[in-house]
Amino acid sequence: MLPPYIIEEIRRRENEQRRRHEQPQLELPVPIVIPPQGQEPRRDDDDRGVIIIDL
């Protein structure tokens, strides 16, 4: 078994290495949209359609 100070040093180095290699993260505030009463929730594909452009 390793002495406690060696185990602590290994943990410290692993944490240091993890901090150096982590990508920074930013949490974006996402608004919560509650649909009005009596209406179905809107689907993402409701506005999709076909557009024909004749050149």
Protein backbone atom coordinates (compact mmCIF):
# COMPACT_ATOMS: atom_id res chain seq x y z
CA MET A 1 0.00 0.00 0.00
CA LEU A 2 1.19 3.52 -0.80
CA PRO A 3 1.69 6.11 1.90
CA PRO A 4 -1.11 8.68 2.19
CA TYR A 5 1.02 11.62 0.98
CA ILE A 6 1.79 9.81 -2.30
CA ILE A 7 -1.90 9.01 -2.85
CA GLU A 8 -2.78 12.67 -2.20
CA GLU A 9 -0.10 13.84 -4.65
CA ILE A 10 -1.43 11.49 -7.34
CA ARG A 11 -4.96 12.85 -6.81
CA ARG A 12 -3.71 16.43 -6.95
CA ARG A 13 -1.87 15.82 -10.23
CA GLU A 14 -4.86 14.04 -11.78
CA ASN A 15 -7.15 16.94 -10.84
CA GLU A 16 -4.66 19.45 -12.24
CA GLN A 17 -4.38 17.53 -15.49
CA ARG A 18 -8.17 17.22 -15.75
CA ARG A 19 -8.57 20.99 -15.30
CA ARG A 20 -6.04 21.70 -18.06
CA HIS A 21 -7.74 19.41 -20.56
CA GLU A 22 -11.38 20.28 -19.86
CA GLN A 23 -13.20 22.44 -22.37
CA PRO A 24 -14.82 25.53 -20.88
CA GLN A 25 -18.60 25.35 -20.82
CA LEU A 26 -21.13 28.11 -20.85
CA GLU A 27 -24.75 27.50 -19.96
CA LEU A 28 -27.17 29.54 -22.03
CA PRO A 29 -30.43 30.68 -20.47
CA VAL A 30 -33.23 28.96 -22.37
CA PRO A 31 -36.66 30.51 -21.91
CA ILE A 32 -39.42 28.11 -20.95
CA VAL A 33 -42.31 28.53 -23.37
CA ILE A 34 -45.71 27.43 -22.10
CA PRO A 35 -48.35 27.16 -24.84
CA PRO A 36 -51.62 29.04 -24.23
CA GLN A 37 -54.54 27.07 -22.82
CA GLY A 38 -56.67 25.23 -25.38
CA GLN A 39 -54.04 25.13 -28.13
CA GLU A 40 -51.88 22.21 -29.15
CA PRO A 41 -48.17 22.68 -28.71
CA ARG A 42 -46.56 23.84 -31.93
CA ARG A 43 -44.33 21.37 -33.72
CA ASP A 44 -41.04 22.36 -35.34
CA ASP A 45 -42.11 21.09 -38.76
CA ASP A 46 -45.35 23.17 -38.94
CA ASP A 47 -43.68 25.95 -40.96
CA ARG A 48 -41.92 23.65 -43.39
CA GLY A 49 -43.12 23.40 -46.93
CA VAL A 50 -42.08 23.37 -50.54
CA ILE A 51 -41.01 26.50 -52.37
CA ILE A 52 -40.60 26.36 -56.14
CA ILE A 53 -38.50 29.09 -57.72
CA ASP A 54 -38.83 29.28 -61.50
CA LEU A 55 -35.84 30.96 -63.12
